[in-house]
């Protein structure tokens, strides 16, 4: 039987705050970029853009990020 190789990953989801701009995908992607920069050294495993709606039926997209922390390179 072959050895199984795997990895652990973590995840989080991010959306815009409820309101007039909640469906603004470019704003969501800018918020995501800022969040990823603040997280430091990580390896992105997957990004999924979801299309959802709020209770009123208005669009409310969100992104789920799957990632693995990378070891500190000492720099």
PDB file of N, CA and C in Angstrom:
ATOM      1  N   UNK A   1       0.842  -1.189   0.000  1.00  0.00           N
ATOM      2  CA  UNK A   1       0.000   0.000   0.000  1.00  0.00           C
ATOM      3  C   UNK A   1       0.882   1.245   0.000  1.00  0.00           C
ATOM      4  N   UNK A   2       0.547   2.212  -0.802  1.00  0.00           N
ATOM      5  CA  UNK A   2       1.335   3.446  -0.908  1.00  0.00           C
ATOM      6  C   UNK A   2       1.155   4.293   0.347  1.00  0.00           C
ATOM      7  N   UNK A   3       2.223   4.998   0.714  1.00  0.00           N
ATOM      8  CA  UNK A   3       2.136   5.935   1.829  1.00  0.00           C
ATOM      9  C   UNK A   3       1.242   7.103   1.447  1.00  0.00           C
ATOM     10  N   UNK A   4       0.469   7.556   2.386  1.00  0.00           N
ATOM     11  CA  UNK A   4      -0.387   8.717   2.136  1.00  0.00           C
ATOM     12  C   UNK A   4       0.370   9.981   2.527  1.00  0.00           C
ATOM     13  N   UNK A   5       0.374  10.924   1.646  1.00  0.00           N
ATOM     14  CA  UNK A   5       1.004  12.209   1.902  1.00  0.00           C
ATOM     15  C   UNK A   5      -0.121  13.230   2.008  1.00  0.00           C
ATOM     16  N   UNK A   6      -0.078  14.040   3.038  1.00  0.00           N
ATOM     17  CA  UNK A   6      -1.141  15.024   3.203  1.00  0.00           C
ATOM     18  C   UNK A   6      -0.615  16.284   3.854  1.00  0.00           C
ATOM     19  N   UNK A   7      -1.515  17.166   4.118  1.00  0.00           N
ATOM     20  CA  UNK A   7      -1.171  18.415   4.767  1.00  0.00           C
ATOM     21  C   UNK A   7      -2.392  18.891   5.545  1.00  0.00           C
ATOM     22  N   UNK A   8      -2.136  19.691   6.546  1.00  0.00           N
ATOM     23  CA  UNK A   8      -3.218  20.310   7.289  1.00  0.00           C
ATOM     24  C   UNK A   8      -3.442  21.693   6.734  1.00  0.00           C
ATOM     25  N   UNK A   9      -4.681  22.104   6.693  1.00  0.00           N
ATOM     26  CA  UNK A   9      -4.971  23.464   6.254  1.00  0.00           C
ATOM     27  C   UNK A   9      -5.996  24.086   7.187  1.00  0.00           C
ATOM     28  N   UNK A  10      -6.036  25.373   7.141  1.00  0.00           N
ATOM     29  CA  UNK A  10      -6.994  26.150   7.909  1.00  0.00           C
ATOM     30  C   UNK A  10      -7.847  26.915   6.916  1.00  0.00           C
ATOM     31  N   UNK A  11      -8.922  27.494   7.390  1.00  0.00           N
ATOM     32  CA  UNK A  11      -9.758  28.270   6.469  1.00  0.00           C
ATOM     33  C   UNK A  11     -10.478  29.386   7.214  1.00  0.00           C
ATOM     34  N   UNK A  12     -10.920  30.361   6.427  1.00  0.00           N
ATOM     35  CA  UNK A  12     -11.782  31.423   6.929  1.00  0.00           C
ATOM     36  C   UNK A  12     -12.617  31.935   5.768  1.00  0.00           C
ATOM     37  N   UNK A  13     -13.721  32.558   6.098  1.00  0.00           N
ATOM     38  CA  UNK A  13     -14.572  33.188   5.082  1.00  0.00           C
ATOM     39  C   UNK A  13     -14.656  34.671   5.370  1.00  0.00           C
ATOM     40  N   UNK A  14     -14.818  35.457   4.312  1.00  0.00           N
ATOM     41  CA  UNK A  14     -14.850  36.907   4.424  1.00  0.00           C
ATOM     42  C   UNK A  14     -15.925  37.453   3.497  1.00  0.00           C
ATOM     43  N   UNK A  15     -16.714  38.385   4.001  1.00  0.00           N
ATOM     44  CA  UNK A  15     -17.677  39.098   3.159  1.00  0.00           C
ATOM     45  C   UNK A  15     -17.621  40.573   3.514  1.00  0.00           C
ATOM     46  N   UNK A  16     -18.300  41.391   2.731  1.00  0.00           N
ATOM     47  CA  UNK A  16     -18.425  42.809   3.049  1.00  0.00           C
ATOM     48  C   UNK A  16     -19.483  42.960   4.147  1.00  0.00           C
ATOM     49  N   UNK A  17     -19.398  44.043   4.898  1.00  0.00           N
ATOM     50  CA  UNK A  17     -20.434  44.287   5.902  1.00  0.00           C
ATOM     51  C   UNK A  17     -21.804  44.472   5.240  1.00  0.00           C
ATOM     52  N   UNK A  18     -22.840  44.082   5.961  1.00  0.00           N
ATOM     53  CA  UNK A  18     -24.214  44.252   5.468  1.00  0.00           C
ATOM     54  C   UNK A  18     -24.463  45.730   5.160  1.00  0.00           C
ATOM     55  N   UNK A  19     -25.132  45.976   4.059  1.00  0.00           N
ATOM     56  CA  UNK A  19     -25.463  47.345   3.688  1.00  0.00           C
ATOM     57  C   UNK A  19     -25.428  47.537   2.186  1.00  0.00           C
ATOM     58  N   UNK A  20     -25.409  48.789   1.774  1.00  0.00           N
ATOM     59  CA  UNK A  20     -25.475  49.127   0.349  1.00  0.00           C
ATOM     60  C   UNK A  20     -24.343  48.516  -0.471  1.00  0.00           C
ATOM     61  N   UNK A  21     -23.158  48.364   0.120  1.00  0.00           N
ATOM     62  CA  UNK A  21     -21.993  47.868  -0.632  1.00  0.00           C
ATOM     63  C   UNK A  21     -21.723  46.382  -0.407  1.00  0.00           C
ATOM     64  N   UNK A  22     -22.654  45.662   0.194  1.00  0.00           N
ATOM     65  CA  UNK A  22     -22.402  44.254   0.510  1.00  0.00           C
ATOM     66  C   UNK A  22     -22.189  43.404  -0.739  1.00  0.00           C
ATOM     67  N   UNK A  23     -22.724  43.776  -1.870  1.00  0.00           N
ATOM     68  CA  UNK A  23     -22.572  43.017  -3.105  1.00  0.00           C
ATOM     69  C   UNK A  23     -21.413  43.455  -3.973  1.00  0.00           C
ATOM     70  N   UNK A  24     -20.588  44.376  -3.496  1.00  0.00           N
ATOM     71  CA  UNK A  24     -19.478  44.940  -4.264  1.00  0.00           C
ATOM     72  C   UNK A  24     -18.296  43.974  -4.271  1.00  0.00           C
ATOM     73  N   UNK A  25     -18.170  43.182  -5.346  1.00  0.00           N
ATOM     74  CA  UNK A  25     -17.115  42.169  -5.424  1.00  0.00           C
ATOM     75  C   UNK A  25     -15.715  42.792  -5.471  1.00  0.00           C
ATOM     76  N   UNK A  26     -15.457  43.868  -6.242  1.00  0.00           N
ATOM     77  CA  UNK A  26     -14.123  44.462  -6.200  1.00  0.00           C
ATOM     78  C   UNK A  26     -13.725  44.904  -4.780  1.00  0.00           C
ATOM     79  N   UNK A  27     -14.673  45.456  -4.023  1.00  0.00           N
ATOM     80  CA  UNK A  27     -14.379  45.843  -2.642  1.00  0.00           C
ATOM     81  C   UNK A  27     -14.051  44.606  -1.804  1.00  0.00           C
ATOM     82  N   UNK A  28     -14.795  43.526  -2.003  1.00  0.00           N
ATOM     83  CA  UNK A  28     -14.535  42.281  -1.282  1.00  0.00           C
ATOM     84  C   UNK A  28     -13.132  41.766  -1.583  1.00  0.00           C
ATOM     85  N   UNK A  29     -12.726  41.811  -2.849  1.00  0.00           N
ATOM     86  CA  UNK A  29     -11.399  41.328  -3.224  1.00  0.00           C
ATOM     87  C   UNK A  29     -10.295  42.215  -2.652  1.00  0.00           C
ATOM     88  N   UNK A  30     -10.532  43.525  -2.574  1.00  0.00           N
ATOM     89  CA  UNK A  30      -9.543  44.420  -1.933  1.00  0.00           C
ATOM     90  C   UNK A  30      -9.424  44.097  -0.447  1.00  0.00           C
ATOM     91  N   UNK A  31     -10.564  43.847   0.223  1.00  0.00           N
ATOM     92  CA  UNK A  31     -10.540  43.476   1.638  1.00  0.00           C
ATOM     93  C   UNK A  31      -9.805  42.155   1.832  1.00  0.00           C
ATOM     94  N   UNK A  32     -10.027  41.224   0.905  1.00  0.00           N
ATOM     95  CA  UNK A  32      -9.342  39.939   0.983  1.00  0.00           C
ATOM     96  C   UNK A  32      -7.831  40.117   0.836  1.00  0.00           C
ATOM     97  N   UNK A  33      -7.404  40.918  -0.130  1.00  0.00           N
ATOM     98  CA  UNK A  33      -5.972  41.156  -0.334  1.00  0.00           C
ATOM     99  C   UNK A  33      -5.344  41.750   0.921  1.00  0.00           C
ATOM    100  N   UNK A  34      -6.002  42.709   1.543  1.00  0.00           N
ATOM    101  CA  UNK A  34      -5.477  43.311   2.777  1.00  0.00           C
ATOM    102  C   UNK A  34      -5.385  42.279   3.894  1.00  0.00           C
ATOM    103  N   UNK A  35      -6.401  41.459   4.014  1.00  0.00           N
ATOM    104  CA  UNK A  35      -6.404  40.421   5.053  1.00  0.00           C
ATOM    105  C   UNK A  35      -5.257  39.441   4.848  1.00  0.00           C
ATOM    106  N   UNK A  36      -5.059  39.003   3.606  1.00  0.00           N
ATOM    107  CA  UNK A  36      -3.981  38.055   3.320  1.00  0.00           C
ATOM    108  C   UNK A  36      -2.612  38.661   3.601  1.00  0.00           C
ATOM    109  N   UNK A  37      -2.421  39.930   3.264  1.00  0.00           N
ATOM    110  CA  UNK A  37      -1.151  40.599   3.550  1.00  0.00           C
ATOM    111  C   UNK A  37      -0.886  40.667   5.042  1.00  0.00           C
ATOM    112  N   UNK A  38      -1.915  40.892   5.831  1.00  0.00           N
ATOM    113  CA  UNK A  38      -1.770  40.985   7.286  1.00  0.00           C
ATOM    114  C   UNK A  38      -1.451  39.627   7.920  1.00  0.00           C
ATOM    115  N   UNK A  39      -1.789  38.551   7.245  1.00  0.00           N
ATOM    116  CA  UNK A  39      -1.592  37.216   7.809  1.00  0.00           C
ATOM    117  C   UNK A  39      -0.140  36.755   7.763  1.00  0.00           C
ATOM    118  N   UNK A  40       0.692  37.408   6.989  1.00  0.00           N
ATOM    119  CA  UNK A  40       2.088  37.003   6.913  1.00  0.00           C
ATOM    120  C   UNK A  40       2.291  35.840   5.954  1.00  0.00           C
ATOM    121  N   UNK A  41       3.242  34.977   6.298  1.00  0.00           N
ATOM    122  CA  UNK A  41       3.642  33.879   5.402  1.00  0.00           C
ATOM    123  C   UNK A  41       2.639  32.729   5.466  1.00  0.00           C
ATOM    124  N   UNK A  42       1.882  32.586   4.391  1.00  0.00           N
ATOM    125  CA  UNK A  42       0.947  31.475   4.272  1.00  0.00           C
ATOM    126  C   UNK A  42       0.997  30.940   2.846  1.00  0.00           C
ATOM    127  N   UNK A  43       0.582  29.705   2.691  1.00  0.00           N
ATOM    128  CA  UNK A  43       0.423  29.127   1.359  1.00  0.00           C
ATOM    129  C   UNK A  43      -1.066  28.973   1.107  1.00  0.00           C
ATOM    130  N   UNK A  44      -1.545  29.617   0.056  1.00  0.00           N
ATOM    131  CA  UNK A  44      -2.955  29.520  -0.303  1.00  0.00           C
ATOM    132  C   UNK A  44      -3.187  28.167  -0.966  1.00  0.00           C
ATOM    133  N   UNK A  45      -4.119  27.413  -0.431  1.00  0.00           N
ATOM    134  CA  UNK A  45      -4.470  26.107  -0.990  1.00  0.00           C
ATOM    135  C   UNK A  45      -5.640  26.226  -1.964  1.00  0.00           C
ATOM    136  N   UNK A  46      -6.578  27.133  -1.648  1.00  0.00           N
ATOM    137  CA  UNK A  46      -7.748  27.288  -2.505  1.00  0.00           C
ATOM    138  C   UNK A  46      -8.472  28.571  -2.119  1.00  0.00           C
ATOM    139  N   UNK A  47      -9.090  29.206  -3.091  1.00  0.00           N
ATOM    140  CA  UNK A  47      -9.967  30.368  -2.887  1.00  0.00           C
ATOM    141  C   UNK A  47     -11.283  30.067  -3.601  1.00  0.00           C
ATOM    142  N   UNK A  48     -12.375  30.253  -2.903  1.00  0.00           N
ATOM    143  CA  UNK A  48     -13.678  29.996  -3.517  1.00  0.00           C
ATOM    144  C   UNK A  48     -14.557  31.218  -3.318  1.00  0.00           C
ATOM    145  N   UNK A  49     -15.064  31.764  -4.420  1.00  0.00           N
ATOM    146  CA  UNK A  49     -16.006  32.877  -4.367  1.00  0.00           C
ATOM    147  C   UNK A  49     -17.415  32.287  -4.375  1.00  0.00           C
ATOM    148  N   UNK A  50     -18.154  32.582  -3.326  1.00  0.00           N
ATOM    149  CA  UNK A  50     -19.511  32.068  -3.189  1.00  0.00           C
ATOM    150  C   UNK A  50     -20.499  33.177  -3.514  1.00  0.00           C
ATOM    151  N   UNK A  51     -21.613  32.799  -4.080  1.00  0.00           N
ATOM    152  CA  UNK A  51     -22.689  33.745  -4.358  1.00  0.00           C
ATOM    153  C   UNK A  51     -23.834  33.431  -3.403  1.00  0.00           C
ATOM    154  N   UNK A  52     -24.117  34.348  -2.507  1.00  0.00           N
ATOM    155  CA  UNK A  52     -25.167  34.153  -1.513  1.00  0.00           C
ATOM    156  C   UNK A  52     -26.091  35.360  -1.558  1.00  0.00           C
ATOM    157  N   UNK A  53     -27.183  35.291  -0.827  1.00  0.00           N
ATOM    158  CA  UNK A  53     -28.101  36.423  -0.702  1.00  0.00           C
ATOM    159  C   UNK A  53     -28.425  36.637   0.762  1.00  0.00           C
ATOM    160  N   UNK A  54     -28.806  37.862   1.090  1.00  0.00           N
ATOM    161  CA  UNK A  54     -29.224  38.150   2.459  1.00  0.00           C
ATOM    162  C   UNK A  54     -30.712  37.823   2.621  1.00  0.00           C
ATOM    163  N   UNK A  55     -31.271  38.126   3.774  1.00  0.00           N
ATOM    164  CA  UNK A  55     -32.673  37.810   4.054  1.00  0.00           C
ATOM    165  C   UNK A  55     -33.653  38.538   3.138  1.00  0.00           C
ATOM    166  N   UNK A  56     -33.201  39.656   2.550  1.00  0.00           N
ATOM    167  CA  UNK A  56     -34.055  40.416   1.636  1.00  0.00           C
ATOM    168  C   UNK A  56     -33.890  39.988   0.178  1.00  0.00           C
ATOM    169  N   UNK A  57     -33.019  39.019  -0.067  1.00  0.00           N
ATOM    170  CA  UNK A  57     -32.782  38.546  -1.429  1.00  0.00           C
ATOM    171  C   UNK A  57     -31.725  39.324  -2.182  1.00  0.00           C
ATOM    172  N   UNK A  58     -31.043  40.252  -1.506  1.00  0.00           N
ATOM    173  CA  UNK A  58     -29.984  41.035  -2.153  1.00  0.00           C
ATOM    174  C   UNK A  58     -28.688  40.225  -2.190  1.00  0.00           C
ATOM    175  N   UNK A  59     -27.876  40.400  -3.239  1.00  0.00           N
ATOM    176  CA  UNK A  59     -26.624  39.644  -3.330  1.00  0.00           C
ATOM    177  C   UNK A  59     -25.679  39.976  -2.175  1.00  0.00           C
ATOM    178  N   UNK A  60     -25.008  38.927  -1.682  1.00  0.00           N
ATOM    179  CA  UNK A  60     -24.038  39.097  -0.593  1.00  0.00           C
ATOM    180  C   UNK A  60     -22.943  38.049  -0.762  1.00  0.00           C
ATOM    181  N   UNK A  61     -22.025  38.295  -1.703  1.00  0.00           N
ATOM    182  CA  UNK A  61     -20.967  37.321  -1.972  1.00  0.00           C
ATOM    183  C   UNK A  61     -19.978  37.223  -0.808  1.00  0.00           C
ATOM    184  N   UNK A  62     -19.303  36.089  -0.748  1.00  0.00           N
ATOM    185  CA  UNK A  62     -18.219  35.929   0.220  1.00  0.00           C
ATOM    186  C   UNK A  62     -17.164  34.999  -0.367  1.00  0.00           C
ATOM    187  N   UNK A  63     -15.979  35.079   0.204  1.00  0.00           N
ATOM    188  CA  UNK A  63     -14.846  34.272  -0.245  1.00  0.00           C
ATOM    189  C   UNK A  63     -14.418  33.365   0.905  1.00  0.00           C
ATOM    190  N   UNK A  64     -14.186  32.099   0.605  1.00  0.00           N
ATOM    191  CA  UNK A  64     -13.592  31.190   1.572  1.00  0.00           C
ATOM    192  C   UNK A  64     -12.167  30.900   1.121  1.00  0.00           C
ATOM    193  N   UNK A  65     -11.233  31.027   2.054  1.00  0.00           N
ATOM    194  CA  UNK A  65      -9.814  30.825   1.791  1.00  0.00           C
ATOM    195  C   UNK A  65      -9.336  29.616   2.584  1.00  0.00           C
ATOM    196  N   UNK A  66      -8.703  28.682   1.894  1.00  0.00           N
ATOM    197  CA  UNK A  66      -8.054  27.542   2.536  1.00  0.00           C
ATOM    198  C   UNK A  66      -6.553  27.780   2.428  1.00  0.00           C
ATOM    199  N   UNK A  67      -5.844  27.685   3.548  1.00  0.00           N
ATOM    200  CA  UNK A  67      -4.423  28.036   3.562  1.00  0.00           C
ATOM    201  C   UNK A  67      -3.675  27.199   4.591  1.00  0.00           C
ATOM    202  N   UNK A  68      -2.365  27.213   4.459  1.00  0.00           N
ATOM    203  CA  UNK A  68      -1.472  26.592   5.435  1.00  0.00           C
ATOM    204  C   UNK A  68      -0.431  27.621   5.827  1.00  0.00           C
ATOM    205  N   UNK A  69      -0.173  27.761   7.137  1.00  0.00           N
ATOM    206  CA  UNK A  69       0.896  28.665   7.568  1.00  0.00           C
ATOM    207  C   UNK A  69       2.247  28.117   7.093  1.00  0.00           C
ATOM    208  N   UNK A  70       3.145  29.010   6.732  1.00  0.00           N
ATOM    209  CA  UNK A  70       4.487  28.623   6.356  1.00  0.00           C
ATOM    210  C   UNK A  70       5.423  28.919   7.525  1.00  0.00           C
ATOM    211  N   UNK A  71       6.481  28.117   7.667  1.00  0.00           N
ATOM    212  CA  UNK A  71       7.430  28.379   8.757  1.00  0.00           C
ATOM    213  C   UNK A  71       8.100  29.735   8.567  1.00  0.00           C
ATOM    214  N   UNK A  72       8.420  30.353   9.670  1.00  0.00           N
ATOM    215  CA  UNK A  72       9.130  31.622   9.641  1.00  0.00           C
ATOM    216  C   UNK A  72      10.530  31.394   9.066  1.00  0.00           C
ATOM    217  N   UNK A  73      10.883  32.159   8.041  1.00  0.00           N
ATOM    218  CA  UNK A  73      12.202  31.968   7.407  1.00  0.00           C
ATOM    219  C   UNK A  73      13.313  32.711   8.126  1.00  0.00           C
ATOM    220  N   UNK A  74      12.967  33.375   9.240  1.00  0.00           N
ATOM    221  CA  UNK A  74      13.980  34.063  10.023  1.00  0.00           C
ATOM    222  C   UNK A  74      14.362  35.423   9.466  1.00  0.00           C
ATOM    223  N   UNK A  75      13.734  35.858   8.400  1.00  0.00           N
ATOM    224  CA  UNK A  75      14.090  37.149   7.789  1.00  0.00           C
ATOM    225  C   UNK A  75      13.407  38.278   8.510  1.00  0.00           C
TER     226      UNK A  75
END
